[in-house]
Amino acid sequence: MANVNNDVTVTLSQEDKELLIKAIKTCEQIAKNCNYNCDMFIDAGTVFAEIFDEYKNGELPTVIHLYE
């Protein structure tokens, strides 16, 4: 069987970088708060995945339930 490898290079504008850094920091803080305030053990990637899963039709709900 043949191997097929694909690479994609993404070039971010300074504005995009700043926005993504802010989003990553927000996800890290949400994870930290969850882990500190209850018995959850989640990371920023899990937080982002849950938020992304709730993103529908270009909108996010105000309240998002996070699960381990």
C-alpha atoms as a PDB file:
ATOM      1  CA  MET A   1       0.000   0.000   0.000  1.00  0.00           C
ATOM      2  CA  ALA A   2       1.334   3.432  -0.873  1.00  0.00           C
ATOM      3  CA  ASN A   3       1.786   6.213   1.635  1.00  0.00           C
ATOM      4  CA  VAL A   4       0.356   9.609   0.796  1.00  0.00           C
ATOM      5  CA  ASN A   5       1.573  12.587   2.777  1.00  0.00           C
ATOM      6  CA  ASN A   6       0.016  16.013   2.595  1.00  0.00           C
ATOM      7  CA  ASP A   7       1.393  19.215   4.049  1.00  0.00           C
ATOM      8  CA  VAL A   8      -0.322  22.537   4.351  1.00  0.00           C
ATOM      9  CA  THR A   9       1.398  25.745   5.337  1.00  0.00           C
ATOM     10  CA  VAL A  10      -0.775  28.389   6.951  1.00  0.00           C
ATOM     11  CA  THR A  11       0.440  31.971   6.964  1.00  0.00           C
ATOM     12  CA  LEU A  12      -1.302  34.098   9.558  1.00  0.00           C
ATOM     13  CA  SER A  13      -1.645  37.838   9.495  1.00  0.00           C
ATOM     14  CA  GLN A  14      -0.623  39.680  12.656  1.00  0.00           C
ATOM     15  CA  GLU A  15      -4.316  40.302  13.394  1.00  0.00           C
ATOM     16  CA  ASP A  16      -5.131  36.586  13.014  1.00  0.00           C
ATOM     17  CA  LYS A  17      -2.197  35.625  15.233  1.00  0.00           C
ATOM     18  CA  GLU A  18      -3.300  38.020  17.966  1.00  0.00           C
ATOM     19  CA  LEU A  19      -6.876  36.748  17.783  1.00  0.00           C
ATOM     20  CA  LEU A  20      -5.792  33.098  17.938  1.00  0.00           C
ATOM     21  CA  ILE A  21      -3.394  33.749  20.813  1.00  0.00           C
ATOM     22  CA  LYS A  22      -6.219  35.413  22.726  1.00  0.00           C
ATOM     23  CA  ALA A  23      -8.505  32.437  21.979  1.00  0.00           C
ATOM     24  CA  ILE A  24      -5.843  29.944  23.115  1.00  0.00           C
ATOM     25  CA  LYS A  25      -5.247  31.873  26.338  1.00  0.00           C
ATOM     26  CA  THR A  26      -9.003  31.970  26.946  1.00  0.00           C
ATOM     27  CA  CYS A  27      -9.265  28.187  26.447  1.00  0.00           C
ATOM     28  CA  GLU A  28      -6.308  27.674  28.801  1.00  0.00           C
ATOM     29  CA  GLN A  29      -7.960  29.849  31.459  1.00  0.00           C
ATOM     30  CA  ILE A  30     -11.304  28.032  31.110  1.00  0.00           C
ATOM     31  CA  ALA A  31      -9.527  24.680  31.521  1.00  0.00           C
ATOM     32  CA  LYS A  32      -7.610  25.969  34.538  1.00  0.00           C
ATOM     33  CA  ASN A  33     -10.834  27.237  36.118  1.00  0.00           C
ATOM     34  CA  CYS A  34     -12.599  23.922  35.487  1.00  0.00           C
ATOM     35  CA  ASN A  35      -9.730  21.923  36.935  1.00  0.00           C
ATOM     36  CA  TYR A  36      -9.432  24.213  39.948  1.00  0.00           C
ATOM     37  CA  ASN A  37     -13.123  24.613  40.769  1.00  0.00           C
ATOM     38  CA  CYS A  38     -14.310  21.035  40.312  1.00  0.00           C
ATOM     39  CA  ASP A  39     -13.068  17.511  39.761  1.00  0.00           C
ATOM     40  CA  MET A  40     -12.671  17.876  36.000  1.00  0.00           C
ATOM     41  CA  PHE A  41      -9.335  17.277  34.332  1.00  0.00           C
ATOM     42  CA  ILE A  42      -9.486  18.907  30.911  1.00  0.00           C
ATOM     43  CA  ASP A  43      -6.996  20.811  28.815  1.00  0.00           C
ATOM     44  CA  ALA A  44      -7.271  23.783  26.480  1.00  0.00           C
ATOM     45  CA  GLY A  45      -7.641  21.503  23.442  1.00  0.00           C
ATOM     46  CA  THR A  46     -10.660  19.805  24.975  1.00  0.00           C
ATOM     47  CA  VAL A  47     -12.182  23.178  25.832  1.00  0.00           C
ATOM     48  CA  PHE A  48     -11.669  24.365  22.255  1.00  0.00           C
ATOM     49  CA  ALA A  49     -13.158  21.149  20.837  1.00  0.00           C
ATOM     50  CA  GLU A  50     -16.275  21.500  22.996  1.00  0.00           C
ATOM     51  CA  ILE A  51     -16.679  25.172  22.044  1.00  0.00           C
ATOM     52  CA  PHE A  52     -16.119  24.376  18.366  1.00  0.00           C
ATOM     53  CA  ASP A  53     -18.730  21.610  18.584  1.00  0.00           C
ATOM     54  CA  GLU A  54     -21.263  24.188  19.802  1.00  0.00           C
ATOM     55  CA  TYR A  55     -20.475  26.581  16.938  1.00  0.00           C
ATOM     56  CA  LYS A  56     -23.397  26.255  14.556  1.00  0.00           C
ATOM     57  CA  ASN A  57     -24.638  28.509  11.762  1.00  0.00           C
ATOM     58  CA  GLY A  58     -21.977  31.092  12.539  1.00  0.00           C
ATOM     59  CA  GLU A  59     -23.007  31.524  16.161  1.00  0.00           C
ATOM     60  CA  LEU A  60     -22.098  30.331  19.643  1.00  0.00           C
ATOM     61  CA  PRO A  61     -24.524  29.936  22.524  1.00  0.00           C
ATOM     62  CA  THR A  62     -23.890  32.034  25.619  1.00  0.00           C
ATOM     63  CA  VAL A  63     -23.771  28.948  27.854  1.00  0.00           C
ATOM     64  CA  ILE A  64     -21.634  25.953  26.878  1.00  0.00           C
ATOM     65  CA  HIS A  65     -21.475  22.789  28.978  1.00  0.00           C
ATOM     66  CA  LEU A  66     -18.030  21.195  29.137  1.00  0.00           C
ATOM     67  CA  TYR A  67     -17.534  17.460  29.570  1.00  0.00           C
ATOM     68  CA  GLU A  68     -14.439  15.398  30.266  1.00  0.00           C
END
